[in-house]
Amino acid sequence: MTAQVAADLRAAVDVLERDGWTQGGLSEDGRLCAIEAIWRACGQSGGERSQNAVEQLRTAIPFQRSIIGWNDTPGRTAAEVIAALRAAADAAEAEL
């Protein structure tokens, strides 16, 4: 992975810490799910940068096919989502 992926994932953490986290949709009352936080951090709702960041996050949440499903798992917490984003960023940096 690239330094850009790590930076985008860390920016997604900043977005969630600033705006808050939600489940059950991309956004609710200004709070965002993990995917929407990545999209906003990348400055786009798609594209290669966000796809790379999403794929890197997927590596931090083993045995999950869908980040949306993982984000929306009952009992999931904002702290878990933020920790996974940070772990994915750390892993991307380790690959440099």
PDB file of N, CA and C in Angstrom:
ATOM      1  N   MET A   1       0.842  -1.190   0.000  1.00  0.00           N
ATOM      2  CA  MET A   1       0.000   0.000   0.000  1.00  0.00           C
ATOM      3  C   MET A   1       0.875   1.237   0.000  1.00  0.00           C
ATOM      4  N   THR A   2       0.248   2.346  -0.174  1.00  0.00           N
ATOM      5  CA  THR A   2       0.995   3.589  -0.283  1.00  0.00           C
ATOM      6  C   THR A   2       0.840   4.453   0.965  1.00  0.00           C
ATOM      7  N   ALA A   3       1.705   5.425   1.047  1.00  0.00           N
ATOM      8  CA  ALA A   3       1.594   6.400   2.129  1.00  0.00           C
ATOM      9  C   ALA A   3       0.252   7.138   2.033  1.00  0.00           C
ATOM     10  N   GLN A   4      -0.261   7.307   0.798  1.00  0.00           N
ATOM     11  CA  GLN A   4      -1.543   7.983   0.623  1.00  0.00           C
ATOM     12  C   GLN A   4      -2.678   7.210   1.291  1.00  0.00           C
ATOM     13  N   VAL A   5      -2.655   5.883   1.192  1.00  0.00           N
ATOM     14  CA  VAL A   5      -3.693   5.064   1.827  1.00  0.00           C
ATOM     15  C   VAL A   5      -3.654   5.271   3.338  1.00  0.00           C
ATOM     16  N   ALA A   6      -2.471   5.217   3.914  1.00  0.00           N
ATOM     17  CA  ALA A   6      -2.346   5.424   5.362  1.00  0.00           C
ATOM     18  C   ALA A   6      -2.847   6.814   5.748  1.00  0.00           C
ATOM     19  N   ALA A   7      -2.479   7.812   4.968  1.00  0.00           N
ATOM     20  CA  ALA A   7      -2.927   9.175   5.254  1.00  0.00           C
ATOM     21  C   ALA A   7      -4.443   9.298   5.148  1.00  0.00           C
ATOM     22  N   ASP A   8      -5.030   8.658   4.146  1.00  0.00           N
ATOM     23  CA  ASP A   8      -6.486   8.713   3.980  1.00  0.00           C
ATOM     24  C   ASP A   8      -7.205   8.032   5.142  1.00  0.00           C
ATOM     25  N   LEU A   9      -6.674   6.906   5.602  1.00  0.00           N
ATOM     26  CA  LEU A   9      -7.295   6.211   6.728  1.00  0.00           C
ATOM     27  C   LEU A   9      -7.173   7.035   8.008  1.00  0.00           C
ATOM     28  N   ARG A  10      -6.045   7.663   8.213  1.00  0.00           N
ATOM     29  CA  ARG A  10      -5.889   8.530   9.395  1.00  0.00           C
ATOM     30  C   ARG A  10      -6.802   9.755   9.291  1.00  0.00           C
ATOM     31  N   ALA A  11      -6.984  10.255   8.086  1.00  0.00           N
ATOM     32  CA  ALA A  11      -7.916  11.366   7.889  1.00  0.00           C
ATOM     33  C   ALA A  11      -9.352  10.926   8.174  1.00  0.00           C
ATOM     34  N   ALA A  12      -9.693   9.685   7.839  1.00  0.00           N
ATOM     35  CA  ALA A  12     -11.030   9.155   8.141  1.00  0.00           C
ATOM     36  C   ALA A  12     -11.245   9.089   9.653  1.00  0.00           C
ATOM     37  N   VAL A  13     -10.197   8.732  10.394  1.00  0.00           N
ATOM     38  CA  VAL A  13     -10.284   8.760  11.865  1.00  0.00           C
ATOM     39  C   VAL A  13     -10.601  10.177  12.323  1.00  0.00           C
ATOM     40  N   ASP A  14      -9.883  11.146  11.774  1.00  0.00           N
ATOM     41  CA  ASP A  14     -10.129  12.545  12.147  1.00  0.00           C
ATOM     42  C   ASP A  14     -11.569  12.948  11.856  1.00  0.00           C
ATOM     43  N   VAL A  15     -12.084  12.509  10.717  1.00  0.00           N
ATOM     44  CA  VAL A  15     -13.473  12.822  10.345  1.00  0.00           C
ATOM     45  C   VAL A  15     -14.438  12.236  11.379  1.00  0.00           C
ATOM     46  N   LEU A  16     -14.237  10.970  11.734  1.00  0.00           N
ATOM     47  CA  LEU A  16     -15.137  10.337  12.709  1.00  0.00           C
ATOM     48  C   LEU A  16     -15.020  10.974  14.089  1.00  0.00           C
ATOM     49  N   GLU A  17     -13.800  11.313  14.483  1.00  0.00           N
ATOM     50  CA  GLU A  17     -13.640  11.946  15.794  1.00  0.00           C
ATOM     51  C   GLU A  17     -14.269  13.337  15.826  1.00  0.00           C
ATOM     52  N   ARG A  18     -14.263  14.021  14.697  1.00  0.00           N
ATOM     53  CA  ARG A  18     -14.866  15.351  14.622  1.00  0.00           C
ATOM     54  C   ARG A  18     -16.387  15.293  14.498  1.00  0.00           C
ATOM     55  N   ASP A  19     -16.870  14.424  13.571  1.00  0.00           N
ATOM     56  CA  ASP A  19     -18.292  14.437  13.222  1.00  0.00           C
ATOM     57  C   ASP A  19     -19.120  13.373  13.925  1.00  0.00           C
ATOM     58  N   GLY A  20     -18.473  12.335  14.446  1.00  0.00           N
ATOM     59  CA  GLY A  20     -19.188  11.251  15.100  1.00  0.00           C
ATOM     60  C   GLY A  20     -19.431  10.092  14.154  1.00  0.00           C
ATOM     61  N   TRP A  21     -19.784   8.963  14.722  1.00  0.00           N
ATOM     62  CA  TRP A  21     -19.958   7.708  13.993  1.00  0.00           C
ATOM     63  C   TRP A  21     -21.409   7.258  14.087  1.00  0.00           C
ATOM     64  N   THR A  22     -21.872   6.545  13.064  1.00  0.00           N
ATOM     65  CA  THR A  22     -23.236   6.029  13.062  1.00  0.00           C
ATOM     66  C   THR A  22     -23.297   4.651  12.415  1.00  0.00           C
ATOM     67  N   GLN A  23     -24.411   3.996  12.618  1.00  0.00           N
ATOM     68  CA  GLN A  23     -24.712   2.710  11.992  1.00  0.00           C
ATOM     69  C   GLN A  23     -26.023   2.833  11.227  1.00  0.00           C
ATOM     70  N   GLY A  24     -26.217   1.911  10.275  1.00  0.00           N
ATOM     71  CA  GLY A  24     -27.499   1.810   9.595  1.00  0.00           C
ATOM     72  C   GLY A  24     -27.683   2.747   8.416  1.00  0.00           C
ATOM     73  N   GLY A  25     -26.653   3.451   8.037  1.00  0.00           N
ATOM     74  CA  GLY A  25     -26.720   4.352   6.896  1.00  0.00           C
ATOM     75  C   GLY A  25     -25.395   5.049   6.734  1.00  0.00           C
ATOM     76  N   LEU A  26     -25.219   5.707   5.609  1.00  0.00           N
ATOM     77  CA  LEU A  26     -23.955   6.407   5.374  1.00  0.00           C
ATOM     78  C   LEU A  26     -23.759   7.566   6.333  1.00  0.00           C
ATOM     79  N   SER A  27     -24.856   8.264   6.624  1.00  0.00           N
ATOM     80  CA  SER A  27     -24.770   9.364   7.581  1.00  0.00           C
ATOM     81  C   SER A  27     -26.120   9.558   8.250  1.00  0.00           C
ATOM     82  N   GLU A  28     -26.046  10.101   9.455  1.00  0.00           N
ATOM     83  CA  GLU A  28     -27.267  10.389  10.209  1.00  0.00           C
ATOM     84  C   GLU A  28     -26.966  11.540  11.161  1.00  0.00           C
ATOM     85  N   ASP A  29     -27.703  12.607  11.028  1.00  0.00           N
ATOM     86  CA  ASP A  29     -27.509  13.788  11.871  1.00  0.00           C
ATOM     87  C   ASP A  29     -26.058  14.258  11.888  1.00  0.00           C
ATOM     88  N   GLY A  30     -25.387  14.164  10.747  1.00  0.00           N
ATOM     89  CA  GLY A  30     -24.012  14.611  10.641  1.00  0.00           C
ATOM     90  C   GLY A  30     -22.971  13.567  10.992  1.00  0.00           C
ATOM     91  N   ARG A  31     -23.407  12.492  11.663  1.00  0.00           N
ATOM     92  CA  ARG A  31     -22.479  11.399  12.002  1.00  0.00           C
ATOM     93  C   ARG A  31     -22.338  10.491  10.782  1.00  0.00           C
ATOM     94  N   LEU A  32     -21.187   9.812  10.689  1.00  0.00           N
ATOM     95  CA  LEU A  32     -20.881   9.039   9.482  1.00  0.00           C
ATOM     96  C   LEU A  32     -20.520   7.597   9.807  1.00  0.00           C
ATOM     97  N   CYS A  33     -20.777   6.715   8.851  1.00  0.00           N
ATOM     98  CA  CYS A  33     -20.295   5.339   8.959  1.00  0.00           C
ATOM     99  C   CYS A  33     -18.841   5.305   8.487  1.00  0.00           C
ATOM    100  N   ALA A  34     -18.187   4.171   8.645  1.00  0.00           N
ATOM    101  CA  ALA A  34     -16.780   4.036   8.264  1.00  0.00           C
ATOM    102  C   ALA A  34     -16.557   4.345   6.787  1.00  0.00           C
ATOM    103  N   ILE A  35     -17.418   3.835   5.928  1.00  0.00           N
ATOM    104  CA  ILE A  35     -17.259   4.054   4.485  1.00  0.00           C
ATOM    105  C   ILE A  35     -17.387   5.531   4.134  1.00  0.00           C
ATOM    106  N   GLU A  36     -18.392   6.179   4.650  1.00  0.00           N
ATOM    107  CA  GLU A  36     -18.590   7.605   4.358  1.00  0.00           C
ATOM    108  C   GLU A  36     -17.431   8.429   4.900  1.00  0.00           C
ATOM    109  N   ALA A  37     -16.897   8.056   6.050  1.00  0.00           N
ATOM    110  CA  ALA A  37     -15.736   8.771   6.600  1.00  0.00           C
ATOM    111  C   ALA A  37     -14.543   8.653   5.659  1.00  0.00           C
ATOM    112  N   ILE A  38     -14.331   7.469   5.104  1.00  0.00           N
ATOM    113  CA  ILE A  38     -13.239   7.288   4.133  1.00  0.00           C
ATOM    114  C   ILE A  38     -13.502   8.128   2.895  1.00  0.00           C
ATOM    115  N   TRP A  39     -14.720   8.087   2.371  1.00  0.00           N
ATOM    116  CA  TRP A  39     -15.040   8.880   1.178  1.00  0.00           C
ATOM    117  C   TRP A  39     -14.777  10.358   1.421  1.00  0.00           C
ATOM    118  N   ARG A  40     -15.208  10.850   2.569  1.00  0.00           N
ATOM    119  CA  ARG A  40     -15.004  12.274   2.866  1.00  0.00           C
ATOM    120  C   ARG A  40     -13.524  12.588   3.035  1.00  0.00           C
ATOM    121  N   ALA A  41     -12.798  11.689   3.667  1.00  0.00           N
ATOM    122  CA  ALA A  41     -11.364  11.900   3.858  1.00  0.00           C
ATOM    123  C   ALA A  41     -10.633  11.959   2.523  1.00  0.00           C
ATOM    124  N   CYS A  42     -11.117  11.197   1.564  1.00  0.00           N
ATOM    125  CA  CYS A  42     -10.500  11.165   0.233  1.00  0.00           C
ATOM    126  C   CYS A  42     -10.992  12.296  -0.654  1.00  0.00           C
ATOM    127  N   GLY A  43     -11.990  13.042  -0.179  1.00  0.00           N
ATOM    128  CA  GLY A  43     -12.515  14.144  -0.968  1.00  0.00           C
ATOM    129  C   GLY A  43     -13.356  13.698  -2.140  1.00  0.00           C
ATOM    130  N   GLN A  44     -13.883  12.492  -2.059  1.00  0.00           N
ATOM    131  CA  GLN A  44     -14.671  11.949  -3.169  1.00  0.00           C
ATOM    132  C   GLN A  44     -15.520  10.794  -2.657  1.00  0.00           C
ATOM    133  N   SER A  45     -16.531  10.431  -3.391  1.00  0.00           N
ATOM    134  CA  SER A  45     -17.340   9.259  -3.030  1.00  0.00           C
ATOM    135  C   SER A  45     -17.087   8.173  -4.070  1.00  0.00           C
ATOM    136  N   GLY A  46     -15.889   7.769  -4.180  1.00  0.00           N
ATOM    137  CA  GLY A  46     -15.488   6.756  -5.144  1.00  0.00           C
ATOM    138  C   GLY A  46     -14.051   6.989  -5.552  1.00  0.00           C
ATOM    139  N   GLY A  47     -13.664   6.387  -6.612  1.00  0.00           N
ATOM    140  CA  GLY A  47     -12.323   6.593  -7.104  1.00  0.00           C
ATOM    141  C   GLY A  47     -11.309   5.652  -6.481  1.00  0.00           C
ATOM    142  N   GLU A  48     -10.142   5.665  -7.069  1.00  0.00           N
ATOM    143  CA  GLU A  48      -9.094   4.732  -6.666  1.00  0.00           C
ATOM    144  C   GLU A  48      -8.611   4.947  -5.237  1.00  0.00           C
ATOM    145  N   ARG A  49      -8.471   6.194  -4.819  1.00  0.00           N
ATOM    146  CA  ARG A  49      -7.990   6.454  -3.454  1.00  0.00           C
ATOM    147  C   ARG A  49      -8.906   5.841  -2.415  1.00  0.00           C
ATOM    148  N   SER A  50     -10.202   6.098  -2.539  1.00  0.00           N
ATOM    149  CA  SER A  50     -11.118   5.552  -1.536  1.00  0.00           C
ATOM    150  C   SER A  50     -11.211   4.034  -1.646  1.00  0.00           C
ATOM    151  N   GLN A  51     -11.161   3.501  -2.859  1.00  0.00           N
ATOM    152  CA  GLN A  51     -11.190   2.043  -3.012  1.00  0.00           C
ATOM    153  C   GLN A  51      -9.983   1.407  -2.344  1.00  0.00           C
ATOM    154  N   ASN A  52      -8.812   2.007  -2.502  1.00  0.00           N
ATOM    155  CA  ASN A  52      -7.616   1.476  -1.861  1.00  0.00           C
ATOM    156  C   ASN A  52      -7.718   1.540  -0.349  1.00  0.00           C
ATOM    157  N   ALA A  53      -8.248   2.639   0.174  1.00  0.00           N
ATOM    158  CA  ALA A  53      -8.406   2.770   1.619  1.00  0.00           C
ATOM    159  C   ALA A  53      -9.419   1.760   2.158  1.00  0.00           C
ATOM    160  N   VAL A  54     -10.518   1.570   1.440  1.00  0.00           N
ATOM    161  CA  VAL A  54     -11.527   0.584   1.854  1.00  0.00           C
ATOM    162  C   VAL A  54     -10.924  -0.816   1.855  1.00  0.00           C
ATOM    163  N   GLU A  55     -10.167  -1.151   0.825  1.00  0.00           N
ATOM    164  CA  GLU A  55      -9.538  -2.475   0.765  1.00  0.00           C
ATOM    165  C   GLU A  55      -8.555  -2.664   1.914  1.00  0.00           C
ATOM    166  N   GLN A  56      -7.811  -1.629   2.240  1.00  0.00           N
ATOM    167  CA  GLN A  56      -6.870  -1.727   3.359  1.00  0.00           C
ATOM    168  C   GLN A  56      -7.620  -1.906   4.675  1.00  0.00           C
ATOM    169  N   LEU A  57      -8.733  -1.194   4.856  1.00  0.00           N
ATOM    170  CA  LEU A  57      -9.533  -1.371   6.072  1.00  0.00           C
ATOM    171  C   LEU A  57     -10.029  -2.803   6.167  1.00  0.00           C
ATOM    172  N   ARG A  58     -10.437  -3.364   5.038  1.00  0.00           N
ATOM    173  CA  ARG A  58     -10.937  -4.733   5.038  1.00  0.00           C
ATOM    174  C   ARG A  58      -9.891  -5.698   5.625  1.00  0.00           C
ATOM    175  N   THR A  59      -8.606  -5.417   5.434  1.00  0.00           N
ATOM    176  CA  THR A  59      -7.564  -6.286   5.986  1.00  0.00           C
ATOM    177  C   THR A  59      -7.507  -6.225   7.507  1.00  0.00           C
ATOM    178  N   ALA A  60      -8.003  -5.125   8.071  1.00  0.00           N
ATOM    179  CA  ALA A  60      -7.979  -4.958   9.529  1.00  0.00           C
ATOM    180  C   ALA A  60      -9.192  -5.587  10.204  1.00  0.00           C
ATOM    181  N   ILE A  61     -10.149  -6.021   9.417  1.00  0.00           N
ATOM    182  CA  ILE A  61     -11.354  -6.646   9.975  1.00  0.00           C
ATOM    183  C   ILE A  61     -11.522  -8.024   9.339  1.00  0.00           C
ATOM    184  N   PRO A  62     -10.681  -8.976   9.742  1.00  0.00           N
ATOM    185  CA  PRO A  62     -10.702 -10.296   9.106  1.00  0.00           C
ATOM    186  C   PRO A  62     -12.067 -10.972   9.206  1.00  0.00           C
ATOM    187  N   PHE A  63     -12.301 -11.833   8.249  1.00  0.00           N
ATOM    188  CA  PHE A  63     -13.516 -12.642   8.174  1.00  0.00           C
ATOM    189  C   PHE A  63     -14.760 -11.824   7.868  1.00  0.00           C
ATOM    190  N   GLN A  64     -14.578 -10.620   7.349  1.00  0.00           N
ATOM    191  CA  GLN A  64     -15.711  -9.781   6.978  1.00  0.00           C
ATOM    192  C   GLN A  64     -15.699  -9.563   5.476  1.00  0.00           C
ATOM    193  N   ARG A  65     -16.817  -9.762   4.863  1.00  0.00           N
ATOM    194  CA  ARG A  65     -16.938  -9.507   3.424  1.00  0.00           C
ATOM    195  C   ARG A  65     -17.312  -8.069   3.150  1.00  0.00           C
ATOM    196  N   SER A  66     -18.033  -7.487   4.055  1.00  0.00           N
ATOM    197  CA  SER A  66     -18.579  -6.155   3.826  1.00  0.00           C
ATOM    198  C   SER A  66     -18.241  -5.237   4.993  1.00  0.00           C
ATOM    199  N   ILE A  67     -17.623  -4.121   4.687  1.00  0.00           N
ATOM    200  CA  ILE A  67     -17.347  -3.139   5.741  1.00  0.00           C
ATOM    201  C   ILE A  67     -18.652  -2.558   6.257  1.00  0.00           C
ATOM    202  N   ILE A  68     -19.611  -2.387   5.382  1.00  0.00           N
ATOM    203  CA  ILE A  68     -20.908  -1.866   5.825  1.00  0.00           C
ATOM    204  C   ILE A  68     -21.539  -2.827   6.827  1.00  0.00           C
ATOM    205  N   GLY A  69     -21.527  -4.123   6.514  1.00  0.00           N
ATOM    206  CA  GLY A  69     -22.070  -5.106   7.453  1.00  0.00           C
ATOM    207  C   GLY A  69     -21.320  -5.109   8.766  1.00  0.00           C
ATOM    208  N   TRP A  70     -19.999  -4.984   8.697  1.00  0.00           N
ATOM    209  CA  TRP A  70     -19.182  -4.932   9.903  1.00  0.00           C
ATOM    210  C   TRP A  70     -19.504  -3.676  10.703  1.00  0.00           C
ATOM    211  N   ASN A  71     -19.564  -2.529  10.021  1.00  0.00           N
ATOM    212  CA  ASN A  71     -19.886  -1.263  10.672  1.00  0.00           C
ATOM    213  C   ASN A  71     -21.235  -1.350  11.388  1.00  0.00           C
ATOM    214  N   ASP A  72     -22.188  -2.034  10.755  1.00  0.00           N
ATOM    215  CA  ASP A  72     -23.557  -2.075  11.274  1.00  0.00           C
ATOM    216  C   ASP A  72     -23.837  -3.248  12.203  1.00  0.00           C
ATOM    217  N   THR A  73     -22.831  -4.040  12.539  1.00  0.00           N
ATOM    218  CA  THR A  73     -23.024  -5.166  13.453  1.00  0.00           C
ATOM    219  C   THR A  73     -23.524  -4.660  14.801  1.00  0.00           C
ATOM    220  N   PRO A  74     -24.618  -5.226  15.299  1.00  0.00           N
ATOM    221  CA  PRO A  74     -25.107  -4.805  16.616  1.00  0.00           C
ATOM    222  C   PRO A  74     -23.998  -4.938  17.664  1.00  0.00           C
ATOM    223  N   GLY A  75     -23.881  -3.928  18.482  1.00  0.00           N
ATOM    224  CA  GLY A  75     -22.867  -3.924  19.520  1.00  0.00           C
ATOM    225  C   GLY A  75     -21.550  -3.289  19.102  1.00  0.00           C
ATOM    226  N   ARG A  76     -21.375  -3.038  17.795  1.00  0.00           N
ATOM    227  CA  ARG A  76     -20.158  -2.380  17.313  1.00  0.00           C
ATOM    228  C   ARG A  76     -20.082  -0.993  17.937  1.00  0.00           C
ATOM    229  N   THR A  77     -18.899  -0.527  18.249  1.00  0.00           N
ATOM    230  CA  THR A  77     -18.735   0.794  18.846  1.00  0.00           C
ATOM    231  C   THR A  77     -17.879   1.689  17.964  1.00  0.00           C
ATOM    232  N   ALA A  78     -18.003   2.970  18.211  1.00  0.00           N
ATOM    233  CA  ALA A  78     -17.165   3.935  17.494  1.00  0.00           C
ATOM    234  C   ALA A  78     -15.693   3.666  17.777  1.00  0.00           C
ATOM    235  N   ALA A  79     -15.378   3.315  19.009  1.00  0.00           N
ATOM    236  CA  ALA A  79     -13.986   3.037  19.372  1.00  0.00           C
ATOM    237  C   ALA A  79     -13.427   1.868  18.562  1.00  0.00           C
ATOM    238  N   GLU A  80     -14.240   0.847  18.309  1.00  0.00           N
ATOM    239  CA  GLU A  80     -13.789  -0.289  17.499  1.00  0.00           C
ATOM    240  C   GLU A  80     -13.534   0.119  16.054  1.00  0.00           C
ATOM    241  N   VAL A  81     -14.400   0.948  15.524  1.00  0.00           N
ATOM    242  CA  VAL A  81     -14.251   1.402  14.142  1.00  0.00           C
ATOM    243  C   VAL A  81     -12.997   2.254  14.015  1.00  0.00           C
ATOM    244  N   ILE A  82     -12.801   3.161  14.931  1.00  0.00           N
ATOM    245  CA  ILE A  82     -11.613   4.015  14.909  1.00  0.00           C
ATOM    246  C   ILE A  82     -10.351   3.179  15.080  1.00  0.00           C
ATOM    247  N   ALA A  83     -10.382   2.193  15.976  1.00  0.00           N
ATOM    248  CA  ALA A  83      -9.216   1.322  16.170  1.00  0.00           C
ATOM    249  C   ALA A  83      -8.895   0.537  14.900  1.00  0.00           C
ATOM    250  N   ALA A  84      -9.912   0.074  14.195  1.00  0.00           N
ATOM    251  CA  ALA A  84      -9.684  -0.671  12.956  1.00  0.00           C
ATOM    252  C   ALA A  84      -9.101   0.234  11.874  1.00  0.00           C
ATOM    253  N   LEU A  85      -9.594   1.457  11.777  1.00  0.00           N
ATOM    254  CA  LEU A  85      -9.037   2.404  10.810  1.00  0.00           C
ATOM    255  C   LEU A  85      -7.567   2.686  11.119  1.00  0.00           C
ATOM    256  N   ARG A  86      -7.251   2.867  12.396  1.00  0.00           N
ATOM    257  CA  ARG A  86      -5.854   3.110  12.779  1.00  0.00           C
ATOM    258  C   ARG A  86      -4.984   1.886  12.494  1.00  0.00           C
ATOM    259  N   ALA A  87      -5.491   0.701  12.798  1.00  0.00           N
ATOM    260  CA  ALA A  87      -4.732  -0.530  12.526  1.00  0.00           C
ATOM    261  C   ALA A  87      -4.486  -0.692  11.037  1.00  0.00           C
ATOM    262  N   ALA A  88      -5.470  -0.363  10.230  1.00  0.00           N
ATOM    263  CA  ALA A  88      -5.303  -0.465   8.780  1.00  0.00           C
ATOM    264  C   ALA A  88      -4.270   0.542   8.287  1.00  0.00           C
ATOM    265  N   ALA A  89      -4.282   1.748   8.852  1.00  0.00           N
ATOM    266  CA  ALA A  89      -3.277   2.761   8.484  1.00  0.00           C
ATOM    267  C   ALA A  89      -1.876   2.294   8.881  1.00  0.00           C
ATOM    268  N   ASP A  90      -1.763   1.748  10.095  1.00  0.00           N
ATOM    269  CA  ASP A  90      -0.465   1.236  10.550  1.00  0.00           C
ATOM    270  C   ASP A  90       0.045   0.132   9.629  1.00  0.00           C
ATOM    271  N   ALA A  91      -0.857  -0.766   9.224  1.00  0.00           N
ATOM    272  CA  ALA A  91      -0.474  -1.864   8.337  1.00  0.00           C
ATOM    273  C   ALA A  91      -0.023  -1.330   6.974  1.00  0.00           C
ATOM    274  N   ALA A  92      -0.707  -0.317   6.475  1.00  0.00           N
ATOM    275  CA  ALA A  92      -0.316   0.281   5.194  1.00  0.00           C
ATOM    276  C   ALA A  92       1.070   0.897   5.299  1.00  0.00           C
ATOM    277  N   GLU A  93       1.340   1.563   6.391  1.00  0.00           N
ATOM    278  CA  GLU A  93       2.664   2.169   6.597  1.00  0.00           C
ATOM    279  C   GLU A  93       3.751   1.105   6.717  1.00  0.00           C
ATOM    280  N   ALA A  94       3.421  -0.015   7.339  1.00  0.00           N
ATOM    281  CA  ALA A  94       4.398  -1.086   7.519  1.00  0.00           C
ATOM    282  C   ALA A  94       4.789  -1.708   6.188  1.00  0.00           C
ATOM    283  N   GLU A  95       3.915  -1.602   5.199  1.00  0.00           N
ATOM    284  CA  GLU A  95       4.180  -2.178   3.879  1.00  0.00           C
ATOM    285  C   GLU A  95       5.063  -1.283   3.012  1.00  0.00           C
ATOM    286  N   LEU A  96       5.307  -0.060   3.458  1.00  0.00           N
ATOM    287  CA  LEU A  96       6.110   0.876   2.649  1.00  0.00           C
ATOM    288  C   LEU A  96       7.556   0.437   2.578  1.00  0.00           C
TER     289      LEU A  96
END
